[in-house]
PDB file of N, CA and C in Angstrom:
ATOM      1  N   MET A   1      24.397  -0.883 -60.647  1.00  0.00           N
ATOM      2  CA  MET A   1      23.620  -0.891 -61.863  1.00  0.00           C
ATOM      3  C   MET A   1      22.887  -2.231 -61.936  1.00  0.00           C
ATOM      4  N   ILE A   2      21.642  -2.180 -62.372  1.00  0.00           N
ATOM      5  CA  ILE A   2      20.817  -3.384 -62.431  1.00  0.00           C
ATOM      6  C   ILE A   2      20.175  -3.487 -63.810  1.00  0.00           C
ATOM      7  N   GLY A   3      20.127  -4.700 -64.336  1.00  0.00           N
ATOM      8  CA  GLY A   3      19.437  -4.962 -65.592  1.00  0.00           C
ATOM      9  C   GLY A   3      18.565  -6.185 -65.440  1.00  0.00           C
ATOM     10  N   ILE A   4      17.483  -6.225 -66.200  1.00  0.00           N
ATOM     11  CA  ILE A   4      16.565  -7.361 -66.169  1.00  0.00           C
ATOM     12  C   ILE A   4      16.123  -7.657 -67.596  1.00  0.00           C
ATOM     13  N   ASP A   5      15.858  -8.935 -67.874  1.00  0.00           N
ATOM     14  CA  ASP A   5      15.357  -9.295 -69.199  1.00  0.00           C
ATOM     15  C   ASP A   5      14.406 -10.487 -69.070  1.00  0.00           C
ATOM     16  N   LEU A   6      13.431 -10.507 -69.942  1.00  0.00           N
ATOM     17  CA  LEU A   6      12.414 -11.548 -70.005  1.00  0.00           C
ATOM     18  C   LEU A   6      12.402 -12.092 -71.432  1.00  0.00           C
ATOM     19  N   VAL A   7      12.460 -13.415 -71.569  1.00  0.00           N
ATOM     20  CA  VAL A   7      12.476 -14.047 -72.887  1.00  0.00           C
ATOM     21  C   VAL A   7      11.422 -15.141 -72.930  1.00  0.00           C
ATOM     22  N   LYS A   8      10.637 -15.168 -73.993  1.00  0.00           N
ATOM     23  CA  LYS A   8       9.710 -16.274 -74.203  1.00  0.00           C
ATOM     24  C   LYS A   8      10.523 -17.456 -74.720  1.00  0.00           C
ATOM     25  N   THR A   9      10.496 -18.565 -73.998  1.00  0.00           N
ATOM     26  CA  THR A   9      11.378 -19.693 -74.326  1.00  0.00           C
ATOM     27  C   THR A   9      11.079 -20.289 -75.696  1.00  0.00           C
ATOM     28  N   SER A  10       9.843 -20.207 -76.151  1.00  0.00           N
ATOM     29  CA  SER A  10       9.509 -20.757 -77.469  1.00  0.00           C
ATOM     30  C   SER A  10      10.221 -19.984 -78.584  1.00  0.00           C
ATOM     31  N   ARG A  11      10.522 -18.716 -78.345  1.00  0.00           N
ATOM     32  CA  ARG A  11      11.273 -17.918 -79.330  1.00  0.00           C
ATOM     33  C   ARG A  11      12.674 -18.503 -79.526  1.00  0.00           C
ATOM     34  N   ILE A  12      13.320 -18.872 -78.430  1.00  0.00           N
ATOM     35  CA  ILE A  12      14.651 -19.462 -78.506  1.00  0.00           C
ATOM     36  C   ILE A  12      14.567 -20.882 -79.064  1.00  0.00           C
ATOM     37  N   GLU A  13      13.502 -21.592 -78.730  1.00  0.00           N
ATOM     38  CA  GLU A  13      13.306 -22.940 -79.275  1.00  0.00           C
ATOM     39  C   GLU A  13      13.236 -22.890 -80.799  1.00  0.00           C
ATOM     40  N   ARG A  14      12.469 -21.945 -81.356  1.00  0.00           N
ATOM     41  CA  ARG A  14      12.369 -21.794 -82.810  1.00  0.00           C
ATOM     42  C   ARG A  14      13.724 -21.401 -83.414  1.00  0.00           C
ATOM     43  N   PHE A  15      14.447 -20.532 -82.712  1.00  0.00           N
ATOM     44  CA  PHE A  15      15.778 -20.105 -83.157  1.00  0.00           C
ATOM     45  C   PHE A  15      16.715 -21.310 -83.271  1.00  0.00           C
ATOM     46  N   ILE A  16      16.694 -22.180 -82.262  1.00  0.00           N
ATOM     47  CA  ILE A  16      17.555 -23.365 -82.258  1.00  0.00           C
ATOM     48  C   ILE A  16      17.114 -24.342 -83.353  1.00  0.00           C
ATOM     49  N   GLU A  17      15.809 -24.518 -83.528  1.00  0.00           N
ATOM     50  CA  GLU A  17      15.306 -25.415 -84.576  1.00  0.00           C
ATOM     51  C   GLU A  17      15.764 -24.931 -85.950  1.00  0.00           C
ATOM     52  N   ARG A  18      15.776 -23.626 -86.137  1.00  0.00           N
ATOM     53  CA  ARG A  18      16.136 -23.050 -87.430  1.00  0.00           C
ATOM     54  C   ARG A  18      17.641 -23.073 -87.687  1.00  0.00           C
ATOM     55  N   PHE A  19      18.439 -22.710 -86.663  1.00  0.00           N
ATOM     56  CA  PHE A  19      19.872 -22.516 -86.877  1.00  0.00           C
ATOM     57  C   PHE A  19      20.764 -23.544 -86.186  1.00  0.00           C
ATOM     58  N   GLY A  20      20.217 -24.343 -85.280  1.00  0.00           N
ATOM     59  CA  GLY A  20      20.995 -25.373 -84.602  1.00  0.00           C
ATOM     60  C   GLY A  20      22.141 -24.804 -83.786  1.00  0.00           C
ATOM     61  N   GLU A  21      23.212 -25.570 -83.694  1.00  0.00           N
ATOM     62  CA  GLU A  21      24.364 -25.150 -82.891  1.00  0.00           C
ATOM     63  C   GLU A  21      25.005 -23.880 -83.456  1.00  0.00           C
ATOM     64  N   ARG A  22      24.955 -23.709 -84.762  1.00  0.00           N
ATOM     65  CA  ARG A  22      25.480 -22.483 -85.373  1.00  0.00           C
ATOM     66  C   ARG A  22      24.776 -21.250 -84.805  1.00  0.00           C
ATOM     67  N   GLY A  23      23.495 -21.371 -84.557  1.00  0.00           N
ATOM     68  CA  GLY A  23      22.743 -20.269 -83.957  1.00  0.00           C
ATOM     69  C   GLY A  23      23.173 -20.012 -82.525  1.00  0.00           C
ATOM     70  N   LEU A  24      23.366 -21.100 -81.759  1.00  0.00           N
ATOM     71  CA  LEU A  24      23.829 -20.950 -80.380  1.00  0.00           C
ATOM     72  C   LEU A  24      25.192 -20.263 -80.334  1.00  0.00           C
ATOM     73  N   GLN A  25      26.049 -20.572 -81.298  1.00  0.00           N
ATOM     74  CA  GLN A  25      27.386 -19.985 -81.333  1.00  0.00           C
ATOM     75  C   GLN A  25      27.361 -18.482 -81.559  1.00  0.00           C
ATOM     76  N   LYS A  26      26.270 -17.952 -82.049  1.00  0.00           N
ATOM     77  CA  LYS A  26      26.167 -16.501 -82.245  1.00  0.00           C
ATOM     78  C   LYS A  26      26.113 -15.748 -80.919  1.00  0.00           C
ATOM     79  N   PHE A  27      25.611 -16.415 -79.866  1.00  0.00           N
ATOM     80  CA  PHE A  27      25.529 -15.713 -78.584  1.00  0.00           C
ATOM     81  C   PHE A  27      26.154 -16.462 -77.408  1.00  0.00           C
ATOM     82  N   LEU A  28      26.614 -17.691 -77.637  1.00  0.00           N
ATOM     83  CA  LEU A  28      27.224 -18.486 -76.568  1.00  0.00           C
ATOM     84  C   LEU A  28      28.607 -18.998 -76.974  1.00  0.00           C
ATOM     85  N   SER A  29      29.486 -19.103 -75.994  1.00  0.00           N
ATOM     86  CA  SER A  29      30.796 -19.723 -76.217  1.00  0.00           C
ATOM     87  C   SER A  29      30.623 -21.249 -76.210  1.00  0.00           C
ATOM     88  N   ASP A  30      31.669 -21.954 -76.606  1.00  0.00           N
ATOM     89  CA  ASP A  30      31.617 -23.425 -76.581  1.00  0.00           C
ATOM     90  C   ASP A  30      31.374 -23.943 -75.160  1.00  0.00           C
ATOM     91  N   ASP A  31      32.026 -23.316 -74.171  1.00  0.00           N
ATOM     92  CA  ASP A  31      31.819 -23.729 -72.777  1.00  0.00           C
ATOM     93  C   ASP A  31      30.374 -23.501 -72.340  1.00  0.00           C
ATOM     94  N   GLU A  32      29.785 -22.395 -72.764  1.00  0.00           N
ATOM     95  CA  GLU A  32      28.386 -22.117 -72.419  1.00  0.00           C
ATOM     96  C   GLU A  32      27.450 -23.109 -73.103  1.00  0.00           C
ATOM     97  N   ILE A  33      27.734 -23.438 -74.350  1.00  0.00           N
ATOM     98  CA  ILE A  33      26.896 -24.390 -75.082  1.00  0.00           C
ATOM     99  C   ILE A  33      26.893 -25.744 -74.366  1.00  0.00           C
ATOM    100  N   ARG A  34      28.025 -26.135 -73.792  1.00  0.00           N
ATOM    101  CA  ARG A  34      28.086 -27.406 -73.056  1.00  0.00           C
ATOM    102  C   ARG A  34      27.184 -27.392 -71.821  1.00  0.00           C
ATOM    103  N   LEU A  35      26.888 -26.208 -71.284  1.00  0.00           N
ATOM    104  CA  LEU A  35      26.002 -26.099 -70.120  1.00  0.00           C
ATOM    105  C   LEU A  35      24.520 -26.115 -70.491  1.00  0.00           C
ATOM    106  N   VAL A  36      24.212 -25.866 -71.759  1.00  0.00           N
ATOM    107  CA  VAL A  36      22.818 -25.779 -72.210  1.00  0.00           C
ATOM    108  C   VAL A  36      22.204 -27.168 -72.256  1.00  0.00           C
ATOM    109  N   LYS A  37      21.145 -27.347 -71.458  1.00  0.00           N
ATOM    110  CA  LYS A  37      20.451 -28.634 -71.404  1.00  0.00           C
ATOM    111  C   LYS A  37      19.306 -28.703 -72.420  1.00  0.00           C
ATOM    112  N   ASN A  38      18.685 -27.543 -72.672  1.00  0.00           N
ATOM    113  CA  ASN A  38      17.540 -27.488 -73.574  1.00  0.00           C
ATOM    114  C   ASN A  38      17.288 -26.025 -73.949  1.00  0.00           C
ATOM    115  N   HIS A  39      16.226 -25.792 -74.703  1.00  0.00           N
ATOM    116  CA  HIS A  39      15.945 -24.428 -75.160  1.00  0.00           C
ATOM    117  C   HIS A  39      15.636 -23.480 -73.994  1.00  0.00           C
ATOM    118  N   LYS A  40      15.135 -24.014 -72.891  1.00  0.00           N
ATOM    119  CA  LYS A  40      14.839 -23.151 -71.747  1.00  0.00           C
ATOM    120  C   LYS A  40      16.121 -22.659 -71.088  1.00  0.00           C
ATOM    121  N   THR A  41      17.129 -23.518 -71.001  1.00  0.00           N
ATOM    122  CA  THR A  41      18.425 -23.087 -70.479  1.00  0.00           C
ATOM    123  C   THR A  41      19.020 -22.025 -71.397  1.00  0.00           C
ATOM    124  N   ALA A  42      18.962 -22.268 -72.699  1.00  0.00           N
ATOM    125  CA  ALA A  42      19.495 -21.304 -73.671  1.00  0.00           C
ATOM    126  C   ALA A  42      18.770 -19.963 -73.540  1.00  0.00           C
ATOM    127  N   ALA A  43      17.463 -19.996 -73.330  1.00  0.00           N
ATOM    128  CA  ALA A  43      16.696 -18.761 -73.161  1.00  0.00           C
ATOM    129  C   ALA A  43      17.144 -18.010 -71.903  1.00  0.00           C
ATOM    130  N   GLY A  44      17.410 -18.740 -70.833  1.00  0.00           N
ATOM    131  CA  GLY A  44      17.906 -18.111 -69.613  1.00  0.00           C
ATOM    132  C   GLY A  44      19.254 -17.448 -69.828  1.00  0.00           C
ATOM    133  N   PHE A  45      20.137 -18.107 -70.598  1.00  0.00           N
ATOM    134  CA  PHE A  45      21.448 -17.527 -70.890  1.00  0.00           C
ATOM    135  C   PHE A  45      21.304 -16.274 -71.749  1.00  0.00           C
ATOM    136  N   TRP A  46      20.398 -16.315 -72.720  1.00  0.00           N
ATOM    137  CA  TRP A  46      20.130 -15.132 -73.540  1.00  0.00           C
ATOM    138  C   TRP A  46      19.677 -13.979 -72.639  1.00  0.00           C
ATOM    139  N   ALA A  47      18.760 -14.277 -71.728  1.00  0.00           N
ATOM    140  CA  ALA A  47      18.235 -13.247 -70.828  1.00  0.00           C
ATOM    141  C   ALA A  47      19.340 -12.657 -69.954  1.00  0.00           C
ATOM    142  N   VAL A  48      20.264 -13.490 -69.474  1.00  0.00           N
ATOM    143  CA  VAL A  48      21.378 -12.983 -68.655  1.00  0.00           C
ATOM    144  C   VAL A  48      22.211 -11.985 -69.454  1.00  0.00           C
ATOM    145  N   LYS A  49      22.530 -12.342 -70.685  1.00  0.00           N
ATOM    146  CA  LYS A  49      23.385 -11.476 -71.492  1.00  0.00           C
ATOM    147  C   LYS A  49      22.681 -10.158 -71.816  1.00  0.00           C
ATOM    148  N   GLU A  50      21.407 -10.220 -72.118  1.00  0.00           N
ATOM    149  CA  GLU A  50      20.639  -8.987 -72.369  1.00  0.00           C
ATOM    150  C   GLU A  50      20.534  -8.144 -71.098  1.00  0.00           C
ATOM    151  N   ALA A  51      20.265  -8.789 -69.964  1.00  0.00           N
ATOM    152  CA  ALA A  51      20.157  -8.062 -68.698  1.00  0.00           C
ATOM    153  C   ALA A  51      21.478  -7.396 -68.334  1.00  0.00           C
ATOM    154  N   CYS A  52      22.574  -8.073 -68.585  1.00  0.00           N
ATOM    155  CA  CYS A  52      23.894  -7.514 -68.287  1.00  0.00           C
ATOM    156  C   CYS A  52      24.157  -6.277 -69.149  1.00  0.00           C
ATOM    157  N   ALA A  53      23.870  -6.381 -70.430  1.00  0.00           N
ATOM    158  CA  ALA A  53      24.077  -5.244 -71.329  1.00  0.00           C
ATOM    159  C   ALA A  53      23.185  -4.068 -70.930  1.00  0.00           C
ATOM    160  N   LYS A  54      21.988  -4.353 -70.460  1.00  0.00           N
ATOM    161  CA  LYS A  54      21.097  -3.293 -69.980  1.00  0.00           C
ATOM    162  C   LYS A  54      21.645  -2.652 -68.712  1.00  0.00           C
ATOM    163  N   ALA A  55      22.197  -3.466 -67.818  1.00  0.00           N
ATOM    164  CA  ALA A  55      22.788  -2.922 -66.592  1.00  0.00           C
ATOM    165  C   ALA A  55      23.947  -1.978 -66.917  1.00  0.00           C
ATOM    166  N   LEU A  56      24.695  -2.314 -67.946  1.00  0.00           N
ATOM    167  CA  LEU A  56      25.801  -1.459 -68.371  1.00  0.00           C
ATOM    168  C   LEU A  56      25.306  -0.199 -69.078  1.00  0.00           C
ATOM    169  N   GLY A  57      24.063  -0.234 -69.536  1.00  0.00           N
ATOM    170  CA  GLY A  57      23.497   0.914 -70.241  1.00  0.00           C
ATOM    171  C   GLY A  57      23.875   0.960 -71.707  1.00  0.00           C
ATOM    172  N   THR A  58      24.384  -0.156 -72.230  1.00  0.00           N
ATOM    173  CA  THR A  58      24.835  -0.176 -73.616  1.00  0.00           C
ATOM    174  C   THR A  58      23.912  -0.945 -74.540  1.00  0.00           C
ATOM    175  N   GLY A  59      23.231  -1.948 -74.011  1.00  0.00           N
ATOM    176  CA  GLY A  59      22.553  -2.908 -74.860  1.00  0.00           C
ATOM    177  C   GLY A  59      23.593  -3.752 -75.565  1.00  0.00           C
ATOM    178  N   ILE A  60      23.142  -4.764 -76.297  1.00  0.00           N
ATOM    179  CA  ILE A  60      24.062  -5.595 -77.076  1.00  0.00           C
ATOM    180  C   ILE A  60      24.384  -4.851 -78.362  1.00  0.00           C
ATOM    181  N   GLY A  61      25.663  -4.696 -78.632  1.00  0.00           N
ATOM    182  CA  GLY A  61      26.091  -3.978 -79.834  1.00  0.00           C
ATOM    183  C   GLY A  61      27.594  -3.849 -79.860  1.00  0.00           C
ATOM    184  N   ALA A  62      28.079  -2.759 -80.425  1.00  0.00           N
ATOM    185  CA  ALA A  62      29.520  -2.556 -80.605  1.00  0.00           C
ATOM    186  C   ALA A  62      30.252  -2.440 -79.276  1.00  0.00           C
ATOM    187  N   GLU A  63      29.646  -1.798 -78.290  1.00  0.00           N
ATOM    188  CA  GLU A  63      30.305  -1.599 -76.994  1.00  0.00           C
ATOM    189  C   GLU A  63      30.342  -2.864 -76.149  1.00  0.00           C
ATOM    190  N   CYS A  64      29.297  -3.666 -76.258  1.00  0.00           N
ATOM    191  CA  CYS A  64      29.175  -4.885 -75.468  1.00  0.00           C
ATOM    192  C   CYS A  64      28.506  -5.954 -76.341  1.00  0.00           C
ATOM    193  N   ALA A  65      29.302  -6.933 -76.755  1.00  0.00           N
ATOM    194  CA  ALA A  65      28.789  -8.012 -77.595  1.00  0.00           C
ATOM    195  C   ALA A  65      28.398  -9.206 -76.728  1.00  0.00           C
ATOM    196  N   PHE A  66      27.606 -10.112 -77.291  1.00  0.00           N
ATOM    197  CA  PHE A  66      27.205 -11.315 -76.558  1.00  0.00           C
ATOM    198  C   PHE A  66      28.417 -12.050 -75.983  1.00  0.00           C
ATOM    199  N   HIS A  67      29.490 -12.139 -76.767  1.00  0.00           N
ATOM    200  CA  HIS A  67      30.655 -12.913 -76.341  1.00  0.00           C
ATOM    201  C   HIS A  67      31.543 -12.161 -75.345  1.00  0.00           C
ATOM    202  N   ASP A  68      31.206 -10.918 -75.017  1.00  0.00           N
ATOM    203  CA  ASP A  68      31.905 -10.180 -73.956  1.00  0.00           C
ATOM    204  C   ASP A  68      31.383 -10.571 -72.575  1.00  0.00           C
ATOM    205  N   ILE A  69      30.312 -11.348 -72.551  1.00  0.00           N
ATOM    206  CA  ILE A  69      29.682 -11.792 -71.305  1.00  0.00           C
ATOM    207  C   ILE A  69      29.716 -13.314 -71.307  1.00  0.00           C
ATOM    208  N   GLU A  70      30.402 -13.894 -70.346  1.00  0.00           N
ATOM    209  CA  GLU A  70      30.526 -15.356 -70.290  1.00  0.00           C
ATOM    210  C   GLU A  70      29.824 -15.884 -69.039  1.00  0.00           C
ATOM    211  N   ILE A  71      28.949 -16.852 -69.239  1.00  0.00           N
ATOM    212  CA  ILE A  71      28.187 -17.455 -68.151  1.00  0.00           C
ATOM    213  C   ILE A  71      28.816 -18.799 -67.788  1.00  0.00           C
ATOM    214  N   SER A  72      28.958 -19.027 -66.501  1.00  0.00           N
ATOM    215  CA  SER A  72      29.405 -20.332 -66.006  1.00  0.00           C
ATOM    216  C   SER A  72      28.557 -20.667 -64.787  1.00  0.00           C
ATOM    217  N   LYS A  73      28.877 -21.762 -64.145  1.00  0.00           N
ATOM    218  CA  LYS A  73      28.135 -22.184 -62.952  1.00  0.00           C
ATOM    219  C   LYS A  73      29.106 -22.341 -61.789  1.00  0.00           C
ATOM    220  N   THR A  74      28.659 -22.015 -60.590  1.00  0.00           N
ATOM    221  CA  THR A  74      29.449 -22.263 -59.395  1.00  0.00           C
ATOM    222  C   THR A  74      29.418 -23.758 -59.100  1.00  0.00           C
ATOM    223  N   HIS A  75      30.194 -24.203 -58.129  1.00  0.00           N
ATOM    224  CA  HIS A  75      30.190 -25.624 -57.770  1.00  0.00           C
ATOM    225  C   HIS A  75      28.830 -26.074 -57.238  1.00  0.00           C
ATOM    226  N   LYS A  76      27.997 -25.120 -56.826  1.00  0.00           N
ATOM    227  CA  LYS A  76      26.636 -25.446 -56.364  1.00  0.00           C
ATOM    228  C   LYS A  76      25.602 -25.319 -57.483  1.00  0.00           C
ATOM    229  N   GLY A  77      26.049 -24.912 -58.677  1.00  0.00           N
ATOM    230  CA  GLY A  77      25.138 -24.827 -59.818  1.00  0.00           C
ATOM    231  C   GLY A  77      24.521 -23.470 -60.055  1.00  0.00           C
ATOM    232  N   ALA A  78      24.896 -22.463 -59.271  1.00  0.00           N
ATOM    233  CA  ALA A  78      24.352 -21.113 -59.471  1.00  0.00           C
ATOM    234  C   ALA A  78      25.048 -20.444 -60.656  1.00  0.00           C
ATOM    235  N   PRO A  79      24.316 -19.665 -61.423  1.00  0.00           N
ATOM    236  CA  PRO A  79      24.950 -18.985 -62.552  1.00  0.00           C
ATOM    237  C   PRO A  79      25.861 -17.851 -62.067  1.00  0.00           C
ATOM    238  N   GLN A  80      26.929 -17.630 -62.823  1.00  0.00           N
ATOM    239  CA  GLN A  80      27.797 -16.481 -62.560  1.00  0.00           C
ATOM    240  C   GLN A  80      28.278 -15.956 -63.904  1.00  0.00           C
ATOM    241  N   ILE A  81      28.657 -14.683 -63.932  1.00  0.00           N
ATOM    242  CA  ILE A  81      29.119 -14.100 -65.185  1.00  0.00           C
ATOM    243  C   ILE A  81      30.532 -13.559 -65.029  1.00  0.00           C
ATOM    244  N   LYS A  82      31.243 -13.622 -66.137  1.00  0.00           N
ATOM    245  CA  LYS A  82      32.574 -13.044 -66.233  1.00  0.00           C
ATOM    246  C   LYS A  82      32.529 -12.106 -67.435  1.00  0.00           C
ATOM    247  N   LEU A  83      33.004 -10.891 -67.229  1.00  0.00           N
ATOM    248  CA  LEU A  83      32.955  -9.893 -68.297  1.00  0.00           C
ATOM    249  C   LEU A  83      34.325  -9.729 -68.938  1.00  0.00           C
ATOM    250  N   ALA A  84      34.320  -9.347 -70.212  1.00  0.00           N
ATOM    251  CA  ALA A  84      35.562  -9.087 -70.938  1.00  0.00           C
ATOM    252  C   ALA A  84      36.333  -7.973 -70.239  1.00  0.00           C
ATOM    253  N   HIS A  85      37.647  -8.057 -70.332  1.00  0.00           N
ATOM    254  CA  HIS A  85      38.533  -7.100 -69.654  1.00  0.00           C
ATOM    255  C   HIS A  85      38.200  -5.654 -70.028  1.00  0.00           C
ATOM    256  N   HIS A  86      37.902  -5.413 -71.303  1.00  0.00           N
ATOM    257  CA  HIS A  86      37.615  -4.030 -71.719  1.00  0.00           C
ATOM    258  C   HIS A  86      36.366  -3.472 -71.041  1.00  0.00           C
ATOM    259  N   LEU A  87      35.394  -4.316 -70.715  1.00  0.00           N
ATOM    260  CA  LEU A  87      34.204  -3.856 -69.994  1.00  0.00           C
ATOM    261  C   LEU A  87      34.537  -3.572 -68.536  1.00  0.00           C
ATOM    262  N   LEU A  88      35.326  -4.451 -67.921  1.00  0.00           N
ATOM    263  CA  LEU A  88      35.722  -4.243 -66.530  1.00  0.00           C
ATOM    264  C   LEU A  88      36.428  -2.902 -66.370  1.00  0.00           C
ATOM    265  N   GLU A  89      37.326  -2.602 -67.297  1.00  0.00           N
ATOM    266  CA  GLU A  89      38.082  -1.345 -67.229  1.00  0.00           C
ATOM    267  C   GLU A  89      37.216  -0.135 -67.535  1.00  0.00           C
ATOM    268  N   LYS A  90      36.472  -0.201 -68.624  1.00  0.00           N
ATOM    269  CA  LYS A  90      35.680   0.950 -69.061  1.00  0.00           C
ATOM    270  C   LYS A  90      34.653   1.383 -68.013  1.00  0.00           C
ATOM    271  N   PHE A  91      34.027   0.406 -67.356  1.00  0.00           N
ATOM    272  CA  PHE A  91      32.967   0.716 -66.402  1.00  0.00           C
ATOM    273  C   PHE A  91      33.419   0.607 -64.946  1.00  0.00           C
ATOM    274  N   ASN A  92      34.707   0.363 -64.708  1.00  0.00           N
ATOM    275  CA  ASN A  92      35.253   0.224 -63.345  1.00  0.00           C
ATOM    276  C   ASN A  92      34.469  -0.796 -62.522  1.00  0.00           C
ATOM    277  N   ILE A  93      34.224  -1.955 -63.096  1.00  0.00           N
ATOM    278  CA  ILE A  93      33.415  -2.992 -62.460  1.00  0.00           C
ATOM    279  C   ILE A  93      34.244  -3.740 -61.419  1.00  0.00           C
ATOM    280  N   THR A  94      33.676  -3.849 -60.225  1.00  0.00           N
ATOM    281  CA  THR A  94      34.350  -4.567 -59.149  1.00  0.00           C
ATOM    282  C   THR A  94      33.685  -5.901 -58.824  1.00  0.00           C
ATOM    283  N   ASN A  95      32.394  -6.047 -59.143  1.00  0.00           N
ATOM    284  CA  ASN A  95      31.686  -7.280 -58.824  1.00  0.00           C
ATOM    285  C   ASN A  95      30.419  -7.385 -59.664  1.00  0.00           C
ATOM    286  N   THR A  96      30.008  -8.623 -59.926  1.00  0.00           N
ATOM    287  CA  THR A  96      28.750  -8.863 -60.637  1.00  0.00           C
ATOM    288  C   THR A  96      28.005  -9.990 -59.949  1.00  0.00           C
ATOM    289  N   SER A  97      26.705  -9.995 -60.104  1.00  0.00           N
ATOM    290  CA  SER A  97      25.906 -11.140 -59.662  1.00  0.00           C
ATOM    291  C   SER A  97      24.711 -11.270 -60.593  1.00  0.00           C
ATOM    292  N   THR A  98      24.219 -12.496 -60.693  1.00  0.00           N
ATOM    293  CA  THR A  98      23.096 -12.742 -61.589  1.00  0.00           C
ATOM    294  C   THR A  98      22.191 -13.822 -61.025  1.00  0.00           C
ATOM    295  N   SER A  99      20.958 -13.798 -61.468  1.00  0.00           N
ATOM    296  CA  SER A  99      19.992 -14.825 -61.120  1.00  0.00           C
ATOM    297  C   SER A  99      19.109 -15.075 -62.335  1.00  0.00           C
ATOM    298  N   ILE A 100      18.791 -16.344 -62.550  1.00  0.00           N
ATOM    299  CA  ILE A 100      17.919 -16.755 -63.654  1.00  0.00           C
ATOM    300  C   ILE A 100      16.763 -17.541 -63.057  1.00  0.00           C
ATOM    301  N   THR A 101      15.556 -17.298 -63.577  1.00  0.00           N
ATOM    302  CA  THR A 101      14.415 -18.113 -63.176  1.00  0.00           C
ATOM    303  C   THR A 101      13.567 -18.412 -64.404  1.00  0.00           C
ATOM    304  N   HIS A 102      12.835 -19.476 -64.321  1.00  0.00           N
ATOM    305  CA  HIS A 102      11.932 -19.879 -65.403  1.00  0.00           C
ATOM    306  C   HIS A 102      10.538 -20.060 -64.825  1.00  0.00           C
ATOM    307  N   ASP A 103       9.542 -19.623 -65.572  1.00  0.00           N
ATOM    308  CA  ASP A 103       8.155 -19.831 -65.180  1.00  0.00           C
ATOM    309  C   ASP A 103       7.351 -20.056 -66.448  1.00  0.00           C
ATOM    310  N   GLY A 104       6.826 -21.244 -66.585  1.00  0.00           N
ATOM    311  CA  GLY A 104       6.047 -21.562 -67.777  1.00  0.00           C
ATOM    312  C   GLY A 104       6.882 -21.374 -69.025  1.00  0.00           C
ATOM    313  N   GLU A 105       6.438 -20.510 -69.890  1.00  0.00           N
ATOM    314  CA  GLU A 105       7.110 -20.267 -71.169  1.00  0.00           C
ATOM    315  C   GLU A 105       8.083 -19.091 -71.122  1.00  0.00           C
ATOM    316  N   TYR A 106       8.495 -18.677 -69.945  1.00  0.00           N
ATOM    317  CA  TYR A 106       9.370 -17.508 -69.834  1.00  0.00           C
ATOM    318  C   TYR A 106      10.623 -17.801 -69.034  1.00  0.00           C
ATOM    319  N   ALA A 107      11.704 -17.168 -69.457  1.00  0.00           N
ATOM    320  CA  ALA A 107      12.959 -17.155 -68.705  1.00  0.00           C
ATOM    321  C   ALA A 107      13.225 -15.701 -68.338  1.00  0.00           C
ATOM    322  N   ILE A 108      13.598 -15.472 -67.090  1.00  0.00           N
ATOM    323  CA  ILE A 108      13.846 -14.119 -66.602  1.00  0.00           C
ATOM    324  C   ILE A 108      15.227 -14.109 -65.951  1.00  0.00           C
ATOM    325  N   ALA A 109      15.982 -13.045 -66.208  1.00  0.00           N
ATOM    326  CA  ALA A 109      17.296 -12.909 -65.590  1.00  0.00           C
ATOM    327  C   ALA A 109      17.471 -11.492 -65.071  1.00  0.00           C
ATOM    328  N   VAL A 110      18.177 -11.404 -63.949  1.00  0.00           N
ATOM    329  CA  VAL A 110      18.545 -10.131 -63.353  1.00  0.00           C
ATOM    330  C   VAL A 110      20.065 -10.132 -63.195  1.00  0.00           C
ATOM    331  N   VAL A 111      20.680  -8.994 -63.502  1.00  0.00           N
ATOM    332  CA  VAL A 111      22.119  -8.827 -63.320  1.00  0.00           C
ATOM    333  C   VAL A 111      22.347  -7.556 -62.514  1.00  0.00           C
ATOM    334  N   ALA A 112      23.183  -7.666 -61.472  1.00  0.00           N
ATOM    335  CA  ALA A 112      23.593  -6.499 -60.685  1.00  0.00           C
ATOM    336  C   ALA A 112      25.101  -6.323 -60.867  1.00  0.00           C
ATOM    337  N   ILE A 113      25.509  -5.087 -61.111  1.00  0.00           N
ATOM    338  CA  ILE A 113      26.912  -4.767 -61.322  1.00  0.00           C
ATOM    339  C   ILE A 113      27.327  -3.695 -60.341  1.00  0.00           C
ATOM    340  N   GLN A 114      28.445  -3.941 -59.647  1.00  0.00           N
ATOM    341  CA  GLN A 114      29.015  -2.957 -58.734  1.00  0.00           C
ATOM    342  C   GLN A 114      30.209  -2.302 -59.405  1.00  0.00           C
ATOM    343  N   THR A 115      30.327  -0.997 -59.203  1.00  0.00           N
ATOM    344  CA  THR A 115      31.464  -0.256 -59.757  1.00  0.00           C
ATOM    345  C   THR A 115      32.177   0.474 -58.627  1.00  0.00           C
ATOM    346  N   SER A 116      33.408   0.872 -58.930  1.00  0.00           N
ATOM    347  CA  SER A 116      34.157   1.602 -57.906  1.00  0.00           C
ATOM    348  C   SER A 116      33.993   3.096 -58.074  1.00  0.00           C
TER     349      SER A 116
END
């Protein structure tokens, strides 16, 4: 299963200006917030979570919330995702991979999910 999302970074910049860290907490864990360098990083994380929910076919909502998807970095700095246990079980997920890129005012993320 594959999902993709595109976010205009200025949209996330305005969101952060309006709501600050409280706004970030709506879609990011404390560990994820520590990884955010600026609004462009936050936009990339938003895109990953949306792309993941699209790959699952659920979208963000009752079945899959923002906090059910956790983003971290490998020792080389590549993004990786960890899904909540209930998602792993429900969808028989065996592996995930993700990529984030930025170009100008846009952040784009792709998520691939393997199932058994």
